[in-house]
């Protein structure tokens, strides 16, 4: 029986290709936030300093680019929890992360129509993202509970739900500022009763 030849090792992307990909994602996030999901891909490529072919090589469709922006933002948000925990006290890290979560929701709301396709076609991506966010929140809440700064009878996901709820109230014209005020109210209300 002949042995199969070994699979070639997966090659890491070239440094310049990776820089291009990161730059495209940064520019696309700004463009989608400013102009919505229908932002010009050619303009995104031009602003990123790459040709349209480079953009399409990395992201063959608008949906692929939107999905990559979404995944990248979720990964940054989840990682921010760890970074904030290294720099700030437990309640300050929790507060700072919740404020970032408000900004994440704001960006997500703008590209929501395109994300609805992502939810339908790629539910595992959305579920994995939700898990990352919930894990980051649980981690930060656990630290704050262990330090005695937050009550131990709280469910971290309830706090997220309260903030998401404010984001989806259509009558609030400046919901983002309201949500940021709610972060402070939630933190204050989560302190142990003395």
N, C-alpha and C. Protein backbone atom coordinates (compact mmCIF):
# COMPACT_ATOMS: atom_id res chain seq x y z
N UNK A 1 0.83 -1.17 0.00
CA UNK A 1 0.00 0.00 0.00
C UNK A 1 0.88 1.25 0.00
N UNK A 2 0.65 2.11 -0.94
CA UNK A 2 1.48 3.31 -1.07
C UNK A 2 1.07 4.33 -0.02
N UNK A 3 2.07 4.97 0.53
CA UNK A 3 1.79 6.01 1.52
C UNK A 3 1.40 7.29 0.82
N UNK A 4 0.46 7.99 1.43
CA UNK A 4 0.07 9.29 0.88
C UNK A 4 1.16 10.29 1.19
N UNK A 5 1.43 11.16 0.25
CA UNK A 5 2.43 12.20 0.55
C UNK A 5 1.91 13.12 1.65
N UNK A 6 2.80 13.59 2.49
CA UNK A 6 2.35 14.47 3.58
C UNK A 6 1.76 15.76 3.01
N UNK A 7 0.77 16.27 3.70
CA UNK A 7 0.17 17.54 3.29
C UNK A 7 1.19 18.63 3.52
N UNK A 8 1.28 19.57 2.61
CA UNK A 8 2.20 20.69 2.86
C UNK A 8 1.71 21.51 4.06
N UNK A 9 2.64 22.00 4.83
CA UNK A 9 2.28 22.82 5.99
C UNK A 9 1.55 24.06 5.51
N UNK A 10 0.53 24.44 6.26
CA UNK A 10 -0.19 25.64 5.89
C UNK A 10 0.72 26.83 6.03
N UNK A 11 0.79 27.58 4.96
CA UNK A 11 1.69 28.72 4.93
C UNK A 11 1.04 29.92 5.60
N UNK A 12 1.80 30.62 6.42
CA UNK A 12 1.30 31.85 7.01
C UNK A 12 1.20 32.90 5.91
N UNK A 13 0.21 33.77 6.02
CA UNK A 13 0.13 34.83 5.01
C UNK A 13 1.35 35.73 5.09
N UNK A 14 1.72 36.25 3.95
CA UNK A 14 2.85 37.18 3.94
C UNK A 14 2.50 38.38 4.81
N UNK A 15 3.52 39.02 5.35
CA UNK A 15 3.30 40.15 6.26
C UNK A 15 2.54 41.28 5.56
N UNK A 16 2.88 41.56 4.30
CA UNK A 16 2.18 42.65 3.61
C UNK A 16 0.73 42.28 3.32
N UNK A 17 0.47 41.01 3.04
CA UNK A 17 -0.91 40.58 2.81
C UNK A 17 -1.73 40.70 4.09
N UNK A 18 -1.12 40.35 5.21
CA UNK A 18 -1.82 40.46 6.49
C UNK A 18 -2.07 41.92 6.84
N UNK A 19 -1.08 42.78 6.58
CA UNK A 19 -1.28 44.23 6.82
C UNK A 19 -2.43 44.76 5.97
N UNK A 20 -2.48 44.33 4.70
CA UNK A 20 -3.56 44.76 3.82
C UNK A 20 -4.91 44.32 4.36
N UNK A 21 -4.99 43.09 4.80
CA UNK A 21 -6.24 42.55 5.33
C UNK A 21 -6.70 43.35 6.55
N UNK A 22 -5.78 43.62 7.47
CA UNK A 22 -6.10 44.38 8.68
C UNK A 22 -6.54 45.79 8.32
N UNK A 23 -5.83 46.40 7.38
CA UNK A 23 -6.18 47.78 6.96
C UNK A 23 -7.55 47.81 6.30
N UNK A 24 -7.85 46.83 5.46
CA UNK A 24 -9.17 46.76 4.82
C UNK A 24 -10.25 46.66 5.88
N UNK A 25 -10.05 45.82 6.88
CA UNK A 25 -11.04 45.65 7.94
C UNK A 25 -11.25 46.94 8.72
N UNK A 26 -10.16 47.66 9.02
CA UNK A 26 -10.28 48.93 9.75
C UNK A 26 -11.09 49.94 8.95
N UNK A 27 -10.74 50.07 7.68
CA UNK A 27 -11.43 51.03 6.82
C UNK A 27 -12.89 50.62 6.62
N UNK A 28 -13.12 49.33 6.42
CA UNK A 28 -14.48 48.83 6.20
C UNK A 28 -15.35 49.11 7.42
N UNK A 29 -14.82 48.91 8.62
CA UNK A 29 -15.60 49.19 9.82
C UNK A 29 -16.03 50.65 9.82
N UNK A 30 -15.11 51.55 9.54
CA UNK A 30 -15.44 52.98 9.49
C UNK A 30 -16.46 53.29 8.42
N UNK A 31 -16.28 52.69 7.26
CA UNK A 31 -17.21 52.95 6.15
C UNK A 31 -18.59 52.40 6.44
N UNK A 32 -18.67 51.20 6.98
CA UNK A 32 -19.96 50.61 7.30
C UNK A 32 -20.64 51.39 8.42
N UNK A 33 -19.86 51.87 9.38
CA UNK A 33 -20.42 52.65 10.48
C UNK A 33 -20.96 53.98 9.97
N UNK A 34 -20.23 54.59 9.04
CA UNK A 34 -20.62 55.90 8.51
C UNK A 34 -21.75 55.79 7.48
N UNK A 35 -21.64 54.83 6.57
CA UNK A 35 -22.55 54.77 5.42
C UNK A 35 -23.48 53.56 5.41
N UNK A 36 -23.36 52.68 6.39
CA UNK A 36 -24.19 51.49 6.41
C UNK A 36 -23.58 50.37 5.60
N UNK A 37 -24.32 49.28 5.51
CA UNK A 37 -23.81 48.06 4.88
C UNK A 37 -23.58 48.21 3.38
N UNK A 38 -24.16 49.24 2.78
CA UNK A 38 -24.01 49.42 1.33
C UNK A 38 -22.85 50.34 0.97
N UNK A 39 -21.94 50.59 1.90
CA UNK A 39 -20.78 51.43 1.61
C UNK A 39 -20.05 50.88 0.38
N UNK A 40 -19.46 51.77 -0.37
CA UNK A 40 -18.77 51.39 -1.60
C UNK A 40 -17.52 50.56 -1.30
N UNK A 41 -17.47 49.37 -1.87
CA UNK A 41 -16.29 48.52 -1.68
C UNK A 41 -15.08 49.09 -2.40
N UNK A 42 -15.32 49.71 -3.55
CA UNK A 42 -14.21 50.35 -4.26
C UNK A 42 -13.62 51.48 -3.44
N UNK A 43 -14.48 52.25 -2.77
CA UNK A 43 -14.01 53.34 -1.92
C UNK A 43 -13.25 52.78 -0.72
N UNK A 44 -13.73 51.67 -0.17
CA UNK A 44 -13.03 51.03 0.95
C UNK A 44 -11.63 50.61 0.50
N UNK A 45 -11.53 49.98 -0.67
CA UNK A 45 -10.23 49.57 -1.19
C UNK A 45 -9.32 50.77 -1.38
N UNK A 46 -9.86 51.83 -1.99
CA UNK A 46 -9.05 53.02 -2.25
C UNK A 46 -8.54 53.62 -0.94
N UNK A 47 -9.44 53.77 0.04
CA UNK A 47 -9.03 54.35 1.32
C UNK A 47 -8.05 53.47 2.07
N UNK A 48 -8.15 52.15 1.87
CA UNK A 48 -7.21 51.23 2.52
C UNK A 48 -5.86 51.19 1.81
N UNK A 49 -5.79 51.83 0.64
CA UNK A 49 -4.53 51.86 -0.10
C UNK A 49 -4.25 50.58 -0.87
N UNK A 50 -5.32 49.87 -1.25
CA UNK A 50 -5.16 48.63 -2.01
C UNK A 50 -6.07 48.71 -3.24
N UNK A 51 -5.81 47.85 -4.19
CA UNK A 51 -6.67 47.77 -5.35
C UNK A 51 -7.90 46.93 -5.05
N UNK A 52 -8.94 47.09 -5.88
CA UNK A 52 -10.14 46.28 -5.68
C UNK A 52 -9.85 44.77 -5.71
N UNK A 53 -8.90 44.37 -6.54
CA UNK A 53 -8.54 42.95 -6.62
C UNK A 53 -8.02 42.41 -5.29
N UNK A 54 -7.24 43.22 -4.59
CA UNK A 54 -6.72 42.82 -3.29
C UNK A 54 -7.86 42.67 -2.29
N UNK A 55 -8.79 43.63 -2.30
CA UNK A 55 -9.94 43.54 -1.41
C UNK A 55 -10.71 42.25 -1.70
N UNK A 56 -11.01 41.99 -2.98
CA UNK A 56 -11.81 40.81 -3.33
C UNK A 56 -11.05 39.50 -3.12
N UNK A 57 -9.73 39.54 -3.15
CA UNK A 57 -8.95 38.33 -2.88
C UNK A 57 -9.12 37.94 -1.40
N UNK A 58 -9.14 38.95 -0.54
CA UNK A 58 -9.34 38.68 0.90
C UNK A 58 -10.80 38.44 1.24
N UNK A 59 -11.68 39.19 0.60
CA UNK A 59 -13.12 39.15 0.91
C UNK A 59 -13.90 39.11 -0.40
N UNK A 60 -14.21 37.92 -0.89
CA UNK A 60 -14.81 37.77 -2.22
C UNK A 60 -16.20 38.39 -2.37
N UNK A 61 -16.89 38.62 -1.26
CA UNK A 61 -18.23 39.21 -1.34
C UNK A 61 -18.38 40.27 -0.24
N UNK A 62 -19.38 41.12 -0.40
CA UNK A 62 -19.70 42.12 0.62
C UNK A 62 -20.01 41.42 1.95
N UNK A 63 -20.76 40.30 1.85
CA UNK A 63 -21.12 39.56 3.05
C UNK A 63 -19.88 39.02 3.76
N UNK A 64 -18.89 38.56 2.99
CA UNK A 64 -17.66 38.05 3.60
C UNK A 64 -16.92 39.17 4.33
N UNK A 65 -16.93 40.37 3.76
CA UNK A 65 -16.28 41.51 4.41
C UNK A 65 -17.05 41.90 5.68
N UNK A 66 -18.37 41.96 5.59
CA UNK A 66 -19.18 42.29 6.76
C UNK A 66 -18.97 41.26 7.87
N UNK A 67 -18.95 39.99 7.50
CA UNK A 67 -18.73 38.94 8.49
C UNK A 67 -17.37 39.09 9.15
N UNK A 68 -16.34 39.40 8.36
CA UNK A 68 -15.00 39.56 8.91
C UNK A 68 -14.93 40.77 9.85
N UNK A 69 -15.59 41.87 9.47
CA UNK A 69 -15.64 43.05 10.34
C UNK A 69 -16.32 42.68 11.65
N UNK A 70 -17.45 41.99 11.55
CA UNK A 70 -18.20 41.58 12.73
C UNK A 70 -17.35 40.69 13.64
N UNK A 71 -16.73 39.67 13.07
CA UNK A 71 -15.89 38.76 13.86
C UNK A 71 -14.74 39.50 14.53
N UNK A 72 -14.11 40.39 13.77
CA UNK A 72 -12.96 41.14 14.30
C UNK A 72 -13.39 42.01 15.47
N UNK A 73 -14.52 42.68 15.33
CA UNK A 73 -15.00 43.55 16.42
C UNK A 73 -15.35 42.74 17.66
N UNK A 74 -15.95 41.59 17.47
CA UNK A 74 -16.28 40.72 18.62
C UNK A 74 -15.00 40.24 19.29
N UNK A 75 -14.01 39.84 18.49
CA UNK A 75 -12.74 39.37 19.05
C UNK A 75 -12.05 40.49 19.84
N UNK A 76 -12.08 41.71 19.29
CA UNK A 76 -11.47 42.85 20.00
C UNK A 76 -12.19 43.11 21.32
N UNK A 77 -13.51 43.05 21.29
CA UNK A 77 -14.30 43.27 22.50
C UNK A 77 -13.98 42.21 23.54
N UNK A 78 -13.93 40.96 23.13
CA UNK A 78 -13.64 39.87 24.07
C UNK A 78 -12.23 40.02 24.64
N UNK A 79 -11.27 40.35 23.80
CA UNK A 79 -9.89 40.53 24.25
C UNK A 79 -9.74 41.73 25.17
N UNK A 80 -10.55 42.76 24.93
CA UNK A 80 -10.49 43.96 25.77
C UNK A 80 -10.77 43.63 27.23
N UNK A 81 -11.62 42.64 27.47
CA UNK A 81 -11.90 42.24 28.85
C UNK A 81 -10.64 41.81 29.57
N UNK A 82 -9.83 40.99 28.90
CA UNK A 82 -8.57 40.53 29.49
C UNK A 82 -7.60 41.70 29.71
N UNK A 83 -7.52 42.58 28.70
CA UNK A 83 -6.59 43.71 28.79
C UNK A 83 -6.99 44.67 29.90
N UNK A 84 -8.28 44.95 30.00
CA UNK A 84 -8.75 45.87 31.05
C UNK A 84 -8.52 45.26 32.43
N UNK A 85 -8.67 43.95 32.55
CA UNK A 85 -8.46 43.28 33.83
C UNK A 85 -7.02 43.43 34.31
N UNK A 86 -6.08 43.54 33.38
CA UNK A 86 -4.68 43.70 33.75
C UNK A 86 -4.38 45.12 34.22
N UNK A 87 -5.16 46.10 33.75
CA UNK A 87 -4.85 47.50 34.02
C UNK A 87 -5.69 48.14 35.12
N UNK A 88 -6.91 47.65 35.30
CA UNK A 88 -7.86 48.35 36.17
C UNK A 88 -8.35 47.46 37.30
N UNK A 89 -8.88 48.10 38.32
CA UNK A 89 -9.50 47.34 39.41
C UNK A 89 -10.71 46.60 38.85
N UNK A 90 -11.18 45.56 39.52
CA UNK A 90 -12.31 44.78 38.99
C UNK A 90 -13.55 45.61 38.62
N UNK A 91 -14.04 46.51 39.49
CA UNK A 91 -15.23 47.26 39.07
C UNK A 91 -14.94 48.26 37.95
N UNK A 92 -13.74 48.84 37.94
CA UNK A 92 -13.38 49.78 36.87
C UNK A 92 -13.24 49.05 35.53
N UNK A 93 -12.67 47.85 35.55
CA UNK A 93 -12.53 47.05 34.33
C UNK A 93 -13.91 46.67 33.79
N UNK A 94 -14.81 46.28 34.68
CA UNK A 94 -16.17 45.92 34.28
C UNK A 94 -16.86 47.12 33.66
N UNK A 95 -16.77 48.28 34.28
CA UNK A 95 -17.40 49.49 33.76
C UNK A 95 -16.82 49.86 32.40
N UNK A 96 -15.49 49.85 32.28
CA UNK A 96 -14.85 50.21 31.00
C UNK A 96 -15.27 49.26 29.89
N UNK A 97 -15.36 47.97 30.22
CA UNK A 97 -15.76 46.99 29.20
C UNK A 97 -17.22 47.19 28.80
N UNK A 98 -18.09 47.47 29.75
CA UNK A 98 -19.50 47.70 29.41
C UNK A 98 -19.65 48.94 28.52
N UNK A 99 -18.83 49.95 28.74
CA UNK A 99 -18.87 51.12 27.85
C UNK A 99 -18.41 50.74 26.44
N UNK A 100 -17.41 49.88 26.33
CA UNK A 100 -17.00 49.38 25.02
C UNK A 100 -18.13 48.57 24.38
N UNK A 101 -18.85 47.82 25.19
CA UNK A 101 -19.98 47.02 24.71
C UNK A 101 -21.05 47.93 24.11
N UNK A 102 -21.29 49.09 24.71
CA UNK A 102 -22.25 50.05 24.16
C UNK A 102 -21.79 50.50 22.77
N UNK A 103 -20.50 50.81 22.64
CA UNK A 103 -19.96 51.21 21.33
C UNK A 103 -20.08 50.08 20.31
N UNK A 104 -19.86 48.86 20.75
CA UNK A 104 -20.00 47.69 19.87
C UNK A 104 -21.43 47.59 19.37
N UNK A 105 -22.41 47.76 20.27
CA UNK A 105 -23.81 47.69 19.87
C UNK A 105 -24.12 48.78 18.85
N UNK A 106 -23.59 49.99 19.07
CA UNK A 106 -23.84 51.10 18.15
C UNK A 106 -23.36 50.76 16.75
N UNK A 107 -22.15 50.22 16.64
CA UNK A 107 -21.62 49.84 15.33
C UNK A 107 -22.45 48.71 14.73
N UNK A 108 -22.84 47.76 15.55
CA UNK A 108 -23.62 46.63 15.07
C UNK A 108 -24.99 47.07 14.56
N UNK A 109 -25.61 48.05 15.22
CA UNK A 109 -26.93 48.52 14.80
C UNK A 109 -26.89 49.12 13.39
N UNK A 110 -25.80 49.77 13.06
CA UNK A 110 -25.70 50.42 11.76
C UNK A 110 -25.66 49.39 10.63
N UNK A 111 -24.98 48.29 10.86
CA UNK A 111 -24.89 47.27 9.80
C UNK A 111 -25.86 46.12 10.03
N UNK A 112 -26.86 46.36 10.88
CA UNK A 112 -27.83 45.31 11.23
C UNK A 112 -28.51 44.67 10.03
N UNK A 113 -28.94 45.45 9.01
CA UNK A 113 -29.59 44.78 7.88
C UNK A 113 -28.70 43.73 7.22
N UNK A 114 -27.44 44.03 7.09
CA UNK A 114 -26.53 43.06 6.48
C UNK A 114 -26.27 41.90 7.44
N UNK A 115 -26.24 42.19 8.73
CA UNK A 115 -26.00 41.13 9.70
C UNK A 115 -27.16 40.15 9.78
N UNK A 116 -28.35 40.59 9.40
CA UNK A 116 -29.48 39.66 9.42
C UNK A 116 -29.24 38.51 8.46
N UNK A 117 -28.58 38.79 7.34
CA UNK A 117 -28.19 37.72 6.42
C UNK A 117 -27.18 36.79 7.07
N UNK A 118 -26.25 37.37 7.81
CA UNK A 118 -25.23 36.58 8.51
C UNK A 118 -25.90 35.65 9.52
N UNK A 119 -26.88 36.18 10.24
CA UNK A 119 -27.59 35.37 11.24
C UNK A 119 -28.27 34.18 10.58
N UNK A 120 -28.89 34.42 9.43
CA UNK A 120 -29.61 33.36 8.73
C UNK A 120 -28.66 32.35 8.08
N UNK A 121 -27.62 32.84 7.46
CA UNK A 121 -26.73 31.96 6.70
C UNK A 121 -25.60 31.35 7.54
N UNK A 122 -25.20 32.04 8.59
CA UNK A 122 -24.06 31.58 9.39
C UNK A 122 -24.38 31.66 10.88
N UNK A 123 -25.37 30.91 11.33
CA UNK A 123 -25.75 31.02 12.75
C UNK A 123 -24.62 30.62 13.70
N UNK A 124 -23.71 29.76 13.26
CA UNK A 124 -22.61 29.36 14.14
C UNK A 124 -21.66 30.51 14.41
N UNK A 125 -21.48 31.41 13.42
CA UNK A 125 -20.63 32.58 13.61
C UNK A 125 -21.24 33.47 14.68
N UNK A 126 -22.54 33.68 14.58
CA UNK A 126 -23.23 34.54 15.54
C UNK A 126 -23.20 33.91 16.93
N UNK A 127 -23.44 32.62 17.00
CA UNK A 127 -23.43 31.93 18.30
C UNK A 127 -22.03 31.97 18.92
N UNK A 128 -20.99 31.77 18.12
CA UNK A 128 -19.62 31.83 18.63
C UNK A 128 -19.32 33.24 19.15
N UNK A 129 -19.81 34.25 18.45
CA UNK A 129 -19.59 35.63 18.87
C UNK A 129 -20.31 35.90 20.19
N UNK A 130 -21.54 35.45 20.28
CA UNK A 130 -22.31 35.63 21.52
C UNK A 130 -21.57 34.96 22.68
N UNK A 131 -21.05 33.79 22.44
CA UNK A 131 -20.31 33.06 23.49
C UNK A 131 -19.09 33.85 23.93
N UNK A 132 -18.34 34.42 22.98
CA UNK A 132 -17.16 35.22 23.33
C UNK A 132 -17.54 36.40 24.21
N UNK A 133 -18.62 37.09 23.86
CA UNK A 133 -19.06 38.26 24.63
C UNK A 133 -19.51 37.84 26.02
N UNK A 134 -20.30 36.78 26.09
CA UNK A 134 -20.78 36.30 27.39
C UNK A 134 -19.62 35.85 28.27
N UNK A 135 -18.64 35.17 27.68
CA UNK A 135 -17.48 34.71 28.45
C UNK A 135 -16.68 35.89 29.01
N UNK A 136 -16.51 36.93 28.20
CA UNK A 136 -15.78 38.12 28.67
C UNK A 136 -16.53 38.78 29.81
N UNK A 137 -17.85 38.90 29.67
CA UNK A 137 -18.66 39.51 30.72
C UNK A 137 -18.61 38.67 32.00
N UNK A 138 -18.73 37.36 31.87
CA UNK A 138 -18.67 36.48 33.05
C UNK A 138 -17.32 36.60 33.76
N UNK A 139 -16.25 36.66 32.98
CA UNK A 139 -14.90 36.79 33.54
C UNK A 139 -14.79 38.08 34.36
N UNK A 140 -15.23 39.19 33.79
CA UNK A 140 -15.13 40.47 34.49
C UNK A 140 -16.03 40.53 35.72
N UNK A 141 -17.23 39.98 35.60
CA UNK A 141 -18.13 39.95 36.74
C UNK A 141 -17.57 39.06 37.85
N UNK A 142 -17.00 37.92 37.49
CA UNK A 142 -16.43 37.02 38.48
C UNK A 142 -15.32 37.71 39.26
N UNK A 143 -14.47 38.44 38.56
CA UNK A 143 -13.40 39.19 39.24
C UNK A 143 -13.98 40.19 40.23
N UNK A 144 -15.02 40.92 39.77
CA UNK A 144 -15.62 41.94 40.62
C UNK A 144 -16.35 41.30 41.81
N UNK A 145 -16.93 40.14 41.59
CA UNK A 145 -17.60 39.43 42.70
C UNK A 145 -16.56 38.94 43.71
N UNK A 146 -15.48 38.37 43.21
CA UNK A 146 -14.44 37.84 44.09
C UNK A 146 -13.77 38.95 44.90
N UNK A 147 -13.69 40.14 44.32
CA UNK A 147 -13.08 41.26 45.05
C UNK A 147 -14.04 41.87 46.06
N UNK A 148 -15.30 41.46 46.01
CA UNK A 148 -16.30 42.00 46.93
C UNK A 148 -16.93 43.30 46.46
N UNK A 149 -16.62 43.72 45.23
CA UNK A 149 -17.13 44.99 44.71
C UNK A 149 -18.51 44.86 44.07
N UNK A 150 -18.90 43.63 43.71
CA UNK A 150 -20.19 43.37 43.05
C UNK A 150 -20.87 42.23 43.81
N UNK A 151 -22.19 42.33 43.95
CA UNK A 151 -22.95 41.28 44.63
C UNK A 151 -22.79 39.95 43.90
N UNK A 152 -22.84 38.88 44.65
CA UNK A 152 -22.63 37.55 44.06
C UNK A 152 -23.92 36.90 43.56
N UNK A 153 -25.06 37.55 43.79
CA UNK A 153 -26.33 36.96 43.36
C UNK A 153 -26.79 37.46 41.99
N UNK A 154 -25.90 38.08 41.25
CA UNK A 154 -26.24 38.63 39.94
C UNK A 154 -25.87 37.67 38.81
N UNK A 155 -26.64 37.73 37.75
CA UNK A 155 -26.29 36.99 36.53
C UNK A 155 -25.68 38.01 35.57
N UNK A 156 -24.43 37.81 35.17
CA UNK A 156 -23.77 38.78 34.29
C UNK A 156 -24.56 39.07 33.01
N UNK A 157 -25.24 38.07 32.51
CA UNK A 157 -25.95 38.25 31.24
C UNK A 157 -27.15 39.18 31.43
N UNK A 158 -27.69 39.27 32.63
CA UNK A 158 -28.78 40.21 32.88
C UNK A 158 -28.32 41.65 32.66
N UNK A 159 -27.08 41.96 33.07
CA UNK A 159 -26.57 43.32 32.86
C UNK A 159 -26.43 43.61 31.37
N UNK A 160 -25.93 42.65 30.63
CA UNK A 160 -25.83 42.84 29.18
C UNK A 160 -27.21 43.05 28.58
N UNK A 161 -28.17 42.26 29.04
CA UNK A 161 -29.53 42.37 28.53
C UNK A 161 -30.13 43.74 28.77
N UNK A 162 -29.84 44.33 29.92
CA UNK A 162 -30.35 45.66 30.21
C UNK A 162 -29.80 46.69 29.23
N UNK A 163 -28.53 46.59 28.92
CA UNK A 163 -27.91 47.54 28.00
C UNK A 163 -28.43 47.32 26.58
N UNK A 164 -28.54 46.07 26.17
CA UNK A 164 -29.09 45.77 24.84
C UNK A 164 -30.52 46.29 24.74
N UNK A 165 -31.28 46.15 25.84
CA UNK A 165 -32.66 46.62 25.85
C UNK A 165 -32.76 48.11 25.58
N UNK A 166 -31.91 48.90 26.18
CA UNK A 166 -31.91 50.34 25.94
C UNK A 166 -31.59 50.64 24.48
N UNK A 167 -30.70 49.85 23.91
CA UNK A 167 -30.31 50.07 22.51
C UNK A 167 -31.45 49.82 21.54
N UNK A 168 -32.44 49.03 21.97
CA UNK A 168 -33.52 48.67 21.05
C UNK A 168 -34.83 49.41 21.34
N UNK A 169 -34.76 50.45 22.15
CA UNK A 169 -35.94 51.27 22.39
C UNK A 169 -35.94 52.38 21.35
N UNK A 170 -36.84 52.30 20.36
CA UNK A 170 -36.80 53.25 19.26
C UNK A 170 -37.10 54.70 19.65
N UNK A 171 -37.78 54.92 20.77
CA UNK A 171 -38.15 56.28 21.14
C UNK A 171 -36.99 57.09 21.73
N UNK A 172 -35.91 56.44 22.04
CA UNK A 172 -34.78 57.16 22.63
C UNK A 172 -33.86 57.65 21.51
N UNK A 173 -33.87 58.97 21.24
CA UNK A 173 -33.06 59.47 20.12
C UNK A 173 -31.56 59.30 20.33
N UNK A 174 -31.10 59.49 21.56
CA UNK A 174 -29.67 59.36 21.82
C UNK A 174 -29.46 58.19 22.77
N UNK A 175 -29.87 57.01 22.31
CA UNK A 175 -29.82 55.82 23.16
C UNK A 175 -28.42 55.51 23.66
N UNK A 176 -27.40 55.87 22.86
CA UNK A 176 -26.03 55.53 23.24
C UNK A 176 -25.63 56.24 24.53
N UNK A 177 -25.97 57.52 24.66
CA UNK A 177 -25.67 58.24 25.90
C UNK A 177 -26.49 57.68 27.05
N UNK A 178 -27.73 57.32 26.77
CA UNK A 178 -28.59 56.72 27.79
C UNK A 178 -27.99 55.39 28.26
N UNK A 179 -27.51 54.58 27.31
CA UNK A 179 -26.91 53.29 27.66
C UNK A 179 -25.64 53.48 28.49
N UNK A 180 -24.87 54.51 28.18
CA UNK A 180 -23.65 54.75 28.96
C UNK A 180 -23.99 55.21 30.38
N UNK A 181 -25.07 55.99 30.53
CA UNK A 181 -25.52 56.35 31.88
C UNK A 181 -26.02 55.10 32.61
N UNK A 182 -26.68 54.22 31.87
CA UNK A 182 -27.20 52.99 32.46
C UNK A 182 -26.06 52.12 32.98
N UNK A 183 -24.91 52.14 32.33
CA UNK A 183 -23.75 51.36 32.81
C UNK A 183 -23.43 51.78 34.24
N UNK A 184 -23.37 53.09 34.50
CA UNK A 184 -23.06 53.56 35.85
C UNK A 184 -24.16 53.19 36.85
N UNK A 185 -25.41 53.26 36.40
CA UNK A 185 -26.53 52.87 37.27
C UNK A 185 -26.43 51.38 37.61
N UNK A 186 -26.14 50.56 36.59
CA UNK A 186 -26.03 49.11 36.82
C UNK A 186 -24.88 48.77 37.75
N UNK A 187 -23.75 49.44 37.57
CA UNK A 187 -22.60 49.19 38.45
C UNK A 187 -22.95 49.59 39.89
N UNK A 188 -23.55 50.77 40.04
CA UNK A 188 -23.93 51.24 41.39
C UNK A 188 -24.93 50.29 42.02
N UNK A 189 -25.91 49.85 41.24
CA UNK A 189 -26.93 48.94 41.76
C UNK A 189 -26.42 47.53 42.01
N UNK A 190 -25.26 47.22 41.48
CA UNK A 190 -24.69 45.88 41.66
C UNK A 190 -23.75 45.79 42.88
N UNK A 191 -23.52 46.92 43.51
CA UNK A 191 -22.64 46.92 44.69
C UNK A 191 -23.31 46.15 45.83
N UNK A 192 -22.54 45.50 46.66
CA UNK A 192 -23.12 44.78 47.80
C UNK A 192 -23.82 45.75 48.76
N UNK A 193 -24.91 45.29 49.33
CA UNK A 193 -25.62 46.09 50.32
C UNK A 193 -24.84 46.02 51.61
N UNK A 194 -24.59 47.18 52.22
CA UNK A 194 -23.79 47.20 53.46
C UNK A 194 -24.64 47.56 54.62
